[in-house]
């Protein structure tokens, strides 16, 4: 991918403005600044919207803030709405509790390849380190090897792969496709490929596997999985697990689809929305 090409970063969030601000701060430190930010808010309360709008980091970035009313866990729907507000050719999906390292954009651009999507990975942080990040007592972007070795020894980080930078080798291409281990908390895809499979399936509601469904359909469309390990890791801030009441049902649907050649979703990105309730605000 040409470094001059614009990347759109779509960040999902819900009632965690403190975590979102940590993510946005990480984006202000990027070595490659040719990107735009679209915050896809799944119905946060107004105080969280105000906290972001009034922050210093929001005014250091190009941000379109997309919000719709809280109707439950509808990640597919709000991500589709976020993409609709993008202008870039390449889209990076990022969760609002996953802090990017300073070369995150540059590394995603390096790995971007025609006919592929990039499946990134994450480093899990402890409650203690997360608390330090959210309060501003600690900073995790651009830190040294020894800082992270110490955090690993203390049990504040589950692995050290966030430090490693392996080149763009052929081994990154997944020859034996699997939808397992897919995380849209850190995923890069060409917008043209996203639109070919009509985006996320909004009939997936509740937690889990809407991202795996997207990947299954990308695979069925001929788009290969490329692993972004040891290049695009993000630092995942600790939080209590959300309800996973729909997980087994969603996983079953993905399993069934993985055995077919289906490409189009039940309720996709391109569906008509005559009663659109999305509010889009420009920040920065």
C-alpha atoms as a PDB file:
ATOM      1  CA  UNK A   1       0.000   0.000   0.000  1.00  0.00           C
ATOM      2  CA  UNK A   2       1.254   3.446  -0.885  1.00  0.00           C
ATOM      3  CA  UNK A   3       1.982   5.501   2.239  1.00  0.00           C
ATOM      4  CA  UNK A   4       0.196   8.466   0.653  1.00  0.00           C
ATOM      5  CA  UNK A   5      -3.136   6.599   0.539  1.00  0.00           C
ATOM      6  CA  UNK A   6      -5.667   7.666   3.146  1.00  0.00           C
ATOM      7  CA  UNK A   7      -6.641   5.114   5.789  1.00  0.00           C
ATOM      8  CA  UNK A   8      -9.905   5.322   7.738  1.00  0.00           C
ATOM      9  CA  UNK A   9      -9.823   4.079  11.338  1.00  0.00           C
ATOM     10  CA  UNK A  10     -13.285   3.036  12.576  1.00  0.00           C
ATOM     11  CA  UNK A  11     -13.382   2.837  16.385  1.00  0.00           C
ATOM     12  CA  UNK A  12     -16.338   1.241  18.151  1.00  0.00           C
ATOM     13  CA  UNK A  13     -17.233   2.482  21.624  1.00  0.00           C
ATOM     14  CA  UNK A  14     -19.965   2.286  24.233  1.00  0.00           C
ATOM     15  CA  UNK A  15     -20.015   4.232  27.519  1.00  0.00           C
ATOM     16  CA  UNK A  16     -16.228   4.146  27.962  1.00  0.00           C
ATOM     17  CA  UNK A  17     -15.025   7.624  27.077  1.00  0.00           C
ATOM     18  CA  UNK A  18     -11.971   7.207  29.333  1.00  0.00           C
ATOM     19  CA  UNK A  19     -10.800   4.201  27.324  1.00  0.00           C
ATOM     20  CA  UNK A  20     -11.702   5.861  24.025  1.00  0.00           C
ATOM     21  CA  UNK A  21      -9.619   8.910  24.933  1.00  0.00           C
ATOM     22  CA  UNK A  22      -6.636   6.627  25.632  1.00  0.00           C
ATOM     23  CA  UNK A  23      -7.072   5.106  22.165  1.00  0.00           C
ATOM     24  CA  UNK A  24      -7.358   8.518  20.530  1.00  0.00           C
ATOM     25  CA  UNK A  25      -4.253   9.674  22.387  1.00  0.00           C
ATOM     26  CA  UNK A  26      -2.363   6.710  20.925  1.00  0.00           C
ATOM     27  CA  UNK A  27      -3.478   7.794  17.471  1.00  0.00           C
ATOM     28  CA  UNK A  28      -2.129  11.321  18.022  1.00  0.00           C
ATOM     29  CA  UNK A  29       1.354   9.788  18.420  1.00  0.00           C
ATOM     30  CA  UNK A  30       1.410   7.886  15.114  1.00  0.00           C
ATOM     31  CA  UNK A  31       4.504   8.036  12.939  1.00  0.00           C
ATOM     32  CA  UNK A  32       2.214   8.029   9.880  1.00  0.00           C
ATOM     33  CA  UNK A  33      -0.412  10.751  10.188  1.00  0.00           C
ATOM     34  CA  UNK A  34      -2.207  10.199   6.896  1.00  0.00           C
ATOM     35  CA  UNK A  35      -5.417   8.780   8.330  1.00  0.00           C
ATOM     36  CA  UNK A  36      -8.863   9.852   9.460  1.00  0.00           C
ATOM     37  CA  UNK A  37     -10.836   8.666  12.483  1.00  0.00           C
ATOM     38  CA  UNK A  38     -14.483   7.661  12.591  1.00  0.00           C
ATOM     39  CA  UNK A  39     -15.847   6.930  16.065  1.00  0.00           C
ATOM     40  CA  UNK A  40     -18.749   4.469  15.808  1.00  0.00           C
ATOM     41  CA  UNK A  41     -20.700   4.892  19.044  1.00  0.00           C
ATOM     42  CA  UNK A  42     -23.251   2.189  19.836  1.00  0.00           C
ATOM     43  CA  UNK A  43     -25.435   4.455  21.960  1.00  0.00           C
ATOM     44  CA  UNK A  44     -23.260   5.924  24.729  1.00  0.00           C
ATOM     45  CA  UNK A  45     -24.826   8.319  27.213  1.00  0.00           C
ATOM     46  CA  UNK A  46     -24.446  12.017  26.522  1.00  0.00           C
ATOM     47  CA  UNK A  47     -21.779  12.595  29.161  1.00  0.00           C
ATOM     48  CA  UNK A  48     -19.441  10.289  27.274  1.00  0.00           C
ATOM     49  CA  UNK A  49     -20.017  12.154  24.011  1.00  0.00           C
ATOM     50  CA  UNK A  50     -19.297  15.447  25.764  1.00  0.00           C
ATOM     51  CA  UNK A  51     -16.133  14.105  27.398  1.00  0.00           C
ATOM     52  CA  UNK A  52     -14.708  13.246  23.980  1.00  0.00           C
ATOM     53  CA  UNK A  53     -15.905  16.416  22.256  1.00  0.00           C
ATOM     54  CA  UNK A  54     -14.325  18.606  24.933  1.00  0.00           C
ATOM     55  CA  UNK A  55     -10.997  16.738  25.083  1.00  0.00           C
ATOM     56  CA  UNK A  56      -7.673  17.996  23.725  1.00  0.00           C
ATOM     57  CA  UNK A  57      -6.961  14.819  21.759  1.00  0.00           C
ATOM     58  CA  UNK A  58     -10.190  15.071  19.781  1.00  0.00           C
ATOM     59  CA  UNK A  59      -8.989  18.365  18.341  1.00  0.00           C
ATOM     60  CA  UNK A  60      -5.639  16.924  17.264  1.00  0.00           C
ATOM     61  CA  UNK A  61      -7.289  14.400  14.941  1.00  0.00           C
ATOM     62  CA  UNK A  62      -9.734  14.379  12.041  1.00  0.00           C
ATOM     63  CA  UNK A  63     -12.761  12.762  13.676  1.00  0.00           C
ATOM     64  CA  UNK A  64     -16.272  12.042  12.456  1.00  0.00           C
ATOM     65  CA  UNK A  65     -18.382  10.947  15.440  1.00  0.00           C
ATOM     66  CA  UNK A  66     -21.231   8.607  14.469  1.00  0.00           C
ATOM     67  CA  UNK A  67     -23.836   7.845  17.154  1.00  0.00           C
ATOM     68  CA  UNK A  68     -27.178   6.095  17.302  1.00  0.00           C
ATOM     69  CA  UNK A  69     -29.570   5.401  20.203  1.00  0.00           C
ATOM     70  CA  UNK A  70     -28.856   2.533  22.573  1.00  0.00           C
ATOM     71  CA  UNK A  71     -30.906  -0.457  21.439  1.00  0.00           C
ATOM     72  CA  UNK A  72     -28.613  -3.160  22.812  1.00  0.00           C
ATOM     73  CA  UNK A  73     -25.367  -4.653  21.522  1.00  0.00           C
ATOM     74  CA  UNK A  74     -25.485  -3.833  17.801  1.00  0.00           C
ATOM     75  CA  UNK A  75     -21.816  -3.749  16.818  1.00  0.00           C
ATOM     76  CA  UNK A  76     -22.527  -4.803  13.223  1.00  0.00           C
ATOM     77  CA  UNK A  77     -24.960  -1.974  12.685  1.00  0.00           C
ATOM     78  CA  UNK A  78     -22.789   0.799  14.126  1.00  0.00           C
ATOM     79  CA  UNK A  79     -19.681  -0.440  12.304  1.00  0.00           C
ATOM     80  CA  UNK A  80     -21.576  -0.309   9.022  1.00  0.00           C
ATOM     81  CA  UNK A  81     -22.673   3.227   9.875  1.00  0.00           C
ATOM     82  CA  UNK A  82     -19.084   4.100  10.686  1.00  0.00           C
ATOM     83  CA  UNK A  83     -17.848   2.846   7.319  1.00  0.00           C
ATOM     84  CA  UNK A  84     -20.521   4.942   5.600  1.00  0.00           C
ATOM     85  CA  UNK A  85     -18.830   8.028   7.084  1.00  0.00           C
ATOM     86  CA  UNK A  86     -15.352   7.011   5.856  1.00  0.00           C
ATOM     87  CA  UNK A  87     -13.552   8.494   2.865  1.00  0.00           C
ATOM     88  CA  UNK A  88     -10.458   6.246   2.832  1.00  0.00           C
ATOM     89  CA  UNK A  89      -9.733   3.342   0.487  1.00  0.00           C
ATOM     90  CA  UNK A  90      -8.563   1.127   3.327  1.00  0.00           C
ATOM     91  CA  UNK A  91     -10.400   0.613   6.612  1.00  0.00           C
ATOM     92  CA  UNK A  92      -8.914  -0.393   9.940  1.00  0.00           C
ATOM     93  CA  UNK A  93     -11.408  -1.531  12.566  1.00  0.00           C
ATOM     94  CA  UNK A  94     -10.310  -0.802  16.114  1.00  0.00           C
ATOM     95  CA  UNK A  95     -12.153  -1.208  19.406  1.00  0.00           C
ATOM     96  CA  UNK A  96     -12.462   1.720  21.776  1.00  0.00           C
ATOM     97  CA  UNK A  97     -10.447  -0.085  24.446  1.00  0.00           C
ATOM     98  CA  UNK A  98      -7.499  -1.110  22.257  1.00  0.00           C
ATOM     99  CA  UNK A  99      -4.627   1.380  22.391  1.00  0.00           C
ATOM    100  CA  UNK A 100      -2.410   1.431  19.272  1.00  0.00           C
ATOM    101  CA  UNK A 101       1.372   1.567  19.344  1.00  0.00           C
ATOM    102  CA  UNK A 102       2.984   4.560  17.640  1.00  0.00           C
ATOM    103  CA  UNK A 103       3.649   2.692  14.375  1.00  0.00           C
ATOM    104  CA  UNK A 104       0.209   1.059  14.198  1.00  0.00           C
ATOM    105  CA  UNK A 105      -0.930   2.918  11.066  1.00  0.00           C
ATOM    106  CA  UNK A 106       2.428   2.543   9.351  1.00  0.00           C
ATOM    107  CA  UNK A 107       2.506  -1.204   9.995  1.00  0.00           C
ATOM    108  CA  UNK A 108      -1.036  -1.745   8.764  1.00  0.00           C
ATOM    109  CA  UNK A 109      -0.145   0.118   5.582  1.00  0.00           C
ATOM    110  CA  UNK A 110       2.953  -2.044   5.185  1.00  0.00           C
ATOM    111  CA  UNK A 111       0.895  -5.243   5.429  1.00  0.00           C
ATOM    112  CA  UNK A 112      -2.045  -4.058   3.300  1.00  0.00           C
ATOM    113  CA  UNK A 113      -2.182  -6.195   0.173  1.00  0.00           C
ATOM    114  CA  UNK A 114      -4.624  -6.499  -2.705  1.00  0.00           C
ATOM    115  CA  UNK A 115      -6.894  -9.495  -2.257  1.00  0.00           C
ATOM    116  CA  UNK A 116      -6.229  -9.771   1.493  1.00  0.00           C
ATOM    117  CA  UNK A 117      -7.537  -8.574   4.824  1.00  0.00           C
ATOM    118  CA  UNK A 118      -5.243  -8.255   7.839  1.00  0.00           C
ATOM    119  CA  UNK A 119      -6.171  -9.915  11.106  1.00  0.00           C
ATOM    120  CA  UNK A 120      -4.330  -8.097  13.889  1.00  0.00           C
ATOM    121  CA  UNK A 121      -3.729  -9.252  17.455  1.00  0.00           C
ATOM    122  CA  UNK A 122      -3.629  -7.764  20.916  1.00  0.00           C
ATOM    123  CA  UNK A 123      -1.731  -7.676  24.198  1.00  0.00           C
ATOM    124  CA  UNK A 124      -3.995  -8.007  27.240  1.00  0.00           C
ATOM    125  CA  UNK A 125      -3.312  -5.587  30.087  1.00  0.00           C
ATOM    126  CA  UNK A 126      -4.049  -6.110  33.777  1.00  0.00           C
ATOM    127  CA  UNK A 127      -6.596  -4.124  35.820  1.00  0.00           C
ATOM    128  CA  UNK A 128      -3.742  -2.304  37.595  1.00  0.00           C
ATOM    129  CA  UNK A 129      -1.957  -1.157  34.441  1.00  0.00           C
ATOM    130  CA  UNK A 130      -5.278  -0.294  32.821  1.00  0.00           C
ATOM    131  CA  UNK A 131      -6.158   1.898  35.788  1.00  0.00           C
ATOM    132  CA  UNK A 132      -2.851   3.725  35.447  1.00  0.00           C
ATOM    133  CA  UNK A 133      -3.473   4.364  31.754  1.00  0.00           C
ATOM    134  CA  UNK A 134      -7.022   5.621  32.290  1.00  0.00           C
ATOM    135  CA  UNK A 135      -6.046   7.981  35.097  1.00  0.00           C
ATOM    136  CA  UNK A 136      -3.034   9.319  33.199  1.00  0.00           C
ATOM    137  CA  UNK A 137      -0.587   7.943  35.775  1.00  0.00           C
ATOM    138  CA  UNK A 138       0.990   5.664  33.162  1.00  0.00           C
ATOM    139  CA  UNK A 139       1.639   5.850  29.434  1.00  0.00           C
ATOM    140  CA  UNK A 140       2.043   2.727  27.301  1.00  0.00           C
ATOM    141  CA  UNK A 141       2.780   4.119  23.839  1.00  0.00           C
ATOM    142  CA  UNK A 142       6.350   4.231  22.596  1.00  0.00           C
ATOM    143  CA  UNK A 143       7.803   2.612  25.696  1.00  0.00           C
ATOM    144  CA  UNK A 144      11.107   0.741  25.862  1.00  0.00           C
ATOM    145  CA  UNK A 145      11.805  -2.982  25.828  1.00  0.00           C
ATOM    146  CA  UNK A 146      12.660  -2.890  29.512  1.00  0.00           C
ATOM    147  CA  UNK A 147       9.389  -1.185  30.400  1.00  0.00           C
ATOM    148  CA  UNK A 148       7.417  -4.042  28.829  1.00  0.00           C
ATOM    149  CA  UNK A 149       9.670  -6.765  30.231  1.00  0.00           C
ATOM    150  CA  UNK A 150       8.994  -5.302  33.673  1.00  0.00           C
ATOM    151  CA  UNK A 151       5.233  -5.184  33.012  1.00  0.00           C
ATOM    152  CA  UNK A 152       5.337  -8.822  31.881  1.00  0.00           C
ATOM    153  CA  UNK A 153       7.234  -9.873  35.006  1.00  0.00           C
ATOM    154  CA  UNK A 154       4.688  -8.040  37.157  1.00  0.00           C
ATOM    155  CA  UNK A 155       1.828  -9.765  35.346  1.00  0.00           C
ATOM    156  CA  UNK A 156       0.543  -6.548  33.812  1.00  0.00           C
ATOM    157  CA  UNK A 157       0.831  -7.779  30.203  1.00  0.00           C
ATOM    158  CA  UNK A 158       0.094 -11.299  28.961  1.00  0.00           C
ATOM    159  CA  UNK A 159       2.831 -11.367  26.272  1.00  0.00           C
ATOM    160  CA  UNK A 160       5.671  -9.390  24.708  1.00  0.00           C
ATOM    161  CA  UNK A 161       4.747  -9.685  21.024  1.00  0.00           C
ATOM    162  CA  UNK A 162       3.829  -5.998  21.011  1.00  0.00           C
ATOM    163  CA  UNK A 163       7.580  -5.327  20.980  1.00  0.00           C
ATOM    164  CA  UNK A 164       8.418  -7.503  17.975  1.00  0.00           C
ATOM    165  CA  UNK A 165       8.359  -6.327  14.366  1.00  0.00           C
ATOM    166  CA  UNK A 166       8.568  -9.130  11.842  1.00  0.00           C
ATOM    167  CA  UNK A 167       8.684  -8.235   8.115  1.00  0.00           C
ATOM    168  CA  UNK A 168       5.957  -8.828   5.568  1.00  0.00           C
ATOM    169  CA  UNK A 169       6.747 -12.454   4.797  1.00  0.00           C
ATOM    170  CA  UNK A 170       4.741 -15.031   2.835  1.00  0.00           C
ATOM    171  CA  UNK A 171       4.111 -16.948   6.046  1.00  0.00           C
ATOM    172  CA  UNK A 172       1.636 -14.258   7.027  1.00  0.00           C
ATOM    173  CA  UNK A 173      -0.850 -15.564   4.469  1.00  0.00           C
ATOM    174  CA  UNK A 174      -3.121 -18.172   6.005  1.00  0.00           C
ATOM    175  CA  UNK A 175      -3.151 -21.094   3.588  1.00  0.00           C
ATOM    176  CA  UNK A 176      -5.468 -23.195   5.772  1.00  0.00           C
ATOM    177  CA  UNK A 177      -8.345 -20.776   6.351  1.00  0.00           C
ATOM    178  CA  UNK A 178     -10.048 -20.617   9.738  1.00  0.00           C
ATOM    179  CA  UNK A 179     -12.561 -18.089  11.018  1.00  0.00           C
ATOM    180  CA  UNK A 180     -11.515 -18.750  14.621  1.00  0.00           C
ATOM    181  CA  UNK A 181      -9.327 -16.202  16.357  1.00  0.00           C
ATOM    182  CA  UNK A 182     -10.728 -13.360  14.254  1.00  0.00           C
ATOM    183  CA  UNK A 183     -11.000 -10.070  16.117  1.00  0.00           C
ATOM    184  CA  UNK A 184     -12.434  -6.941  14.572  1.00  0.00           C
ATOM    185  CA  UNK A 185     -10.884  -5.048  17.493  1.00  0.00           C
ATOM    186  CA  UNK A 186      -7.882  -4.877  15.131  1.00  0.00           C
ATOM    187  CA  UNK A 187      -8.588  -5.664  11.490  1.00  0.00           C
ATOM    188  CA  UNK A 188      -7.676  -4.050   8.169  1.00  0.00           C
ATOM    189  CA  UNK A 189      -9.706  -4.495   4.963  1.00  0.00           C
ATOM    190  CA  UNK A 190      -9.965  -2.742   1.615  1.00  0.00           C
ATOM    191  CA  UNK A 191     -13.206  -0.811   1.386  1.00  0.00           C
ATOM    192  CA  UNK A 192     -13.887  -2.326  -2.039  1.00  0.00           C
ATOM    193  CA  UNK A 193     -13.746  -5.831  -0.508  1.00  0.00           C
ATOM    194  CA  UNK A 194     -15.922  -4.739   2.414  1.00  0.00           C
ATOM    195  CA  UNK A 195     -18.530  -3.469  -0.033  1.00  0.00           C
ATOM    196  CA  UNK A 196     -18.319  -6.611  -2.203  1.00  0.00           C
ATOM    197  CA  UNK A 197     -19.588  -8.703   0.718  1.00  0.00           C
ATOM    198  CA  UNK A 198     -21.980  -5.926   1.816  1.00  0.00           C
ATOM    199  CA  UNK A 199     -20.278  -5.327   5.145  1.00  0.00           C
ATOM    200  CA  UNK A 200     -21.295  -6.672   8.525  1.00  0.00           C
ATOM    201  CA  UNK A 201     -24.530  -8.611   8.898  1.00  0.00           C
ATOM    202  CA  UNK A 202     -26.763  -6.517  11.132  1.00  0.00           C
ATOM    203  CA  UNK A 203     -28.963  -9.502  11.920  1.00  0.00           C
ATOM    204  CA  UNK A 204     -26.183 -10.508  14.345  1.00  0.00           C
ATOM    205  CA  UNK A 205     -27.163  -8.997  17.693  1.00  0.00           C
ATOM    206  CA  UNK A 206     -25.652  -9.505  21.117  1.00  0.00           C
ATOM    207  CA  UNK A 207     -21.998 -10.224  21.780  1.00  0.00           C
ATOM    208  CA  UNK A 208     -19.843 -12.218  19.450  1.00  0.00           C
ATOM    209  CA  UNK A 209     -18.868 -13.556  16.043  1.00  0.00           C
ATOM    210  CA  UNK A 210     -20.269 -10.881  13.753  1.00  0.00           C
ATOM    211  CA  UNK A 211     -16.638 -10.278  12.784  1.00  0.00           C
ATOM    212  CA  UNK A 212     -16.076 -13.976  12.080  1.00  0.00           C
ATOM    213  CA  UNK A 213     -19.132 -13.946   9.839  1.00  0.00           C
ATOM    214  CA  UNK A 214     -17.673 -11.051   7.841  1.00  0.00           C
ATOM    215  CA  UNK A 215     -14.419 -12.976   7.445  1.00  0.00           C
ATOM    216  CA  UNK A 216     -16.197 -16.140   6.290  1.00  0.00           C
ATOM    217  CA  UNK A 217     -17.929 -14.158   3.559  1.00  0.00           C
ATOM    218  CA  UNK A 218     -14.678 -12.418   2.591  1.00  0.00           C
ATOM    219  CA  UNK A 219     -13.073 -15.843   2.266  1.00  0.00           C
ATOM    220  CA  UNK A 220     -15.981 -17.069   0.135  1.00  0.00           C
ATOM    221  CA  UNK A 221     -15.425 -14.020  -2.062  1.00  0.00           C
ATOM    222  CA  UNK A 222     -11.759 -14.937  -2.579  1.00  0.00           C
ATOM    223  CA  UNK A 223     -10.188 -12.522  -0.063  1.00  0.00           C
ATOM    224  CA  UNK A 224      -7.332 -14.176   1.843  1.00  0.00           C
ATOM    225  CA  UNK A 225      -6.585 -13.900   5.551  1.00  0.00           C
ATOM    226  CA  UNK A 226      -3.267 -12.297   6.391  1.00  0.00           C
ATOM    227  CA  UNK A 227      -1.924 -12.365   9.940  1.00  0.00           C
ATOM    228  CA  UNK A 228      -0.675  -9.142  11.483  1.00  0.00           C
ATOM    229  CA  UNK A 229       1.062 -10.684  14.484  1.00  0.00           C
ATOM    230  CA  UNK A 230       4.345  -9.105  15.580  1.00  0.00           C
ATOM    231  CA  UNK A 231       3.547  -5.951  13.655  1.00  0.00           C
ATOM    232  CA  UNK A 232       0.126  -4.506  14.466  1.00  0.00           C
ATOM    233  CA  UNK A 233      -0.515  -5.515  18.090  1.00  0.00           C
ATOM    234  CA  UNK A 234      -2.685  -3.221  20.176  1.00  0.00           C
ATOM    235  CA  UNK A 235      -2.827  -2.923  23.967  1.00  0.00           C
ATOM    236  CA  UNK A 236      -6.211  -4.121  25.172  1.00  0.00           C
ATOM    237  CA  UNK A 237      -7.383  -2.312  28.295  1.00  0.00           C
ATOM    238  CA  UNK A 238      -8.922  -4.542  30.934  1.00  0.00           C
ATOM    239  CA  UNK A 239     -12.682  -4.531  31.493  1.00  0.00           C
ATOM    240  CA  UNK A 240     -15.338  -6.804  32.894  1.00  0.00           C
ATOM    241  CA  UNK A 241     -16.774  -9.162  30.310  1.00  0.00           C
ATOM    242  CA  UNK A 242     -20.059  -8.128  28.739  1.00  0.00           C
ATOM    243  CA  UNK A 243     -22.992 -10.512  28.565  1.00  0.00           C
ATOM    244  CA  UNK A 244     -22.375 -13.359  26.135  1.00  0.00           C
ATOM    245  CA  UNK A 245     -25.937 -14.635  26.102  1.00  0.00           C
ATOM    246  CA  UNK A 246     -26.053 -14.673  22.283  1.00  0.00           C
ATOM    247  CA  UNK A 247     -22.595 -16.149  21.749  1.00  0.00           C
ATOM    248  CA  UNK A 248     -23.560 -19.776  21.173  1.00  0.00           C
ATOM    249  CA  UNK A 249     -26.329 -18.836  18.762  1.00  0.00           C
ATOM    250  CA  UNK A 250     -24.056 -16.482  16.810  1.00  0.00           C
ATOM    251  CA  UNK A 251     -21.247 -19.051  16.735  1.00  0.00           C
ATOM    252  CA  UNK A 252     -23.659 -21.646  15.391  1.00  0.00           C
ATOM    253  CA  UNK A 253     -24.696 -19.310  12.578  1.00  0.00           C
ATOM    254  CA  UNK A 254     -21.073 -18.682  11.616  1.00  0.00           C
ATOM    255  CA  UNK A 255     -20.292 -22.391  11.698  1.00  0.00           C
ATOM    256  CA  UNK A 256     -23.221 -23.074   9.378  1.00  0.00           C
ATOM    257  CA  UNK A 257     -22.194 -20.292   6.990  1.00  0.00           C
ATOM    258  CA  UNK A 258     -18.616 -21.493   6.923  1.00  0.00           C
ATOM    259  CA  UNK A 259     -19.889 -24.659   5.244  1.00  0.00           C
ATOM    260  CA  UNK A 260     -21.515 -22.720   2.409  1.00  0.00           C
ATOM    261  CA  UNK A 261     -20.444 -20.313  -0.328  1.00  0.00           C
ATOM    262  CA  UNK A 262     -22.619 -17.475   0.939  1.00  0.00           C
ATOM    263  CA  UNK A 263     -21.237 -13.976   0.325  1.00  0.00           C
ATOM    264  CA  UNK A 264     -24.132 -11.628   0.999  1.00  0.00           C
ATOM    265  CA  UNK A 265     -25.481 -11.074   4.543  1.00  0.00           C
ATOM    266  CA  UNK A 266     -29.093 -11.025   5.669  1.00  0.00           C
ATOM    267  CA  UNK A 267     -29.024  -7.330   6.592  1.00  0.00           C
ATOM    268  CA  UNK A 268     -25.974  -5.696   5.094  1.00  0.00           C
ATOM    269  CA  UNK A 269     -24.207  -2.397   4.687  1.00  0.00           C
ATOM    270  CA  UNK A 270     -26.111  -1.362   1.556  1.00  0.00           C
ATOM    271  CA  UNK A 271     -29.640  -1.857   2.875  1.00  0.00           C
ATOM    272  CA  UNK A 272     -32.039   1.049   2.535  1.00  0.00           C
ATOM    273  CA  UNK A 273     -32.481   3.068   5.704  1.00  0.00           C
ATOM    274  CA  UNK A 274     -35.536   5.297   5.254  1.00  0.00           C
ATOM    275  CA  UNK A 275     -35.723   6.114   8.965  1.00  0.00           C
ATOM    276  CA  UNK A 276     -32.046   6.717   9.596  1.00  0.00           C
ATOM    277  CA  UNK A 277     -31.489   7.721  13.231  1.00  0.00           C
ATOM    278  CA  UNK A 278     -27.732   8.257  13.087  1.00  0.00           C
ATOM    279  CA  UNK A 279     -26.181  11.531  14.228  1.00  0.00           C
ATOM    280  CA  UNK A 280     -22.824  12.473  12.673  1.00  0.00           C
ATOM    281  CA  UNK A 281     -20.707  15.180  14.302  1.00  0.00           C
ATOM    282  CA  UNK A 282     -17.313  16.427  13.122  1.00  0.00           C
ATOM    283  CA  UNK A 283     -14.657  16.986  15.778  1.00  0.00           C
ATOM    284  CA  UNK A 284     -11.250  18.544  15.436  1.00  0.00           C
END
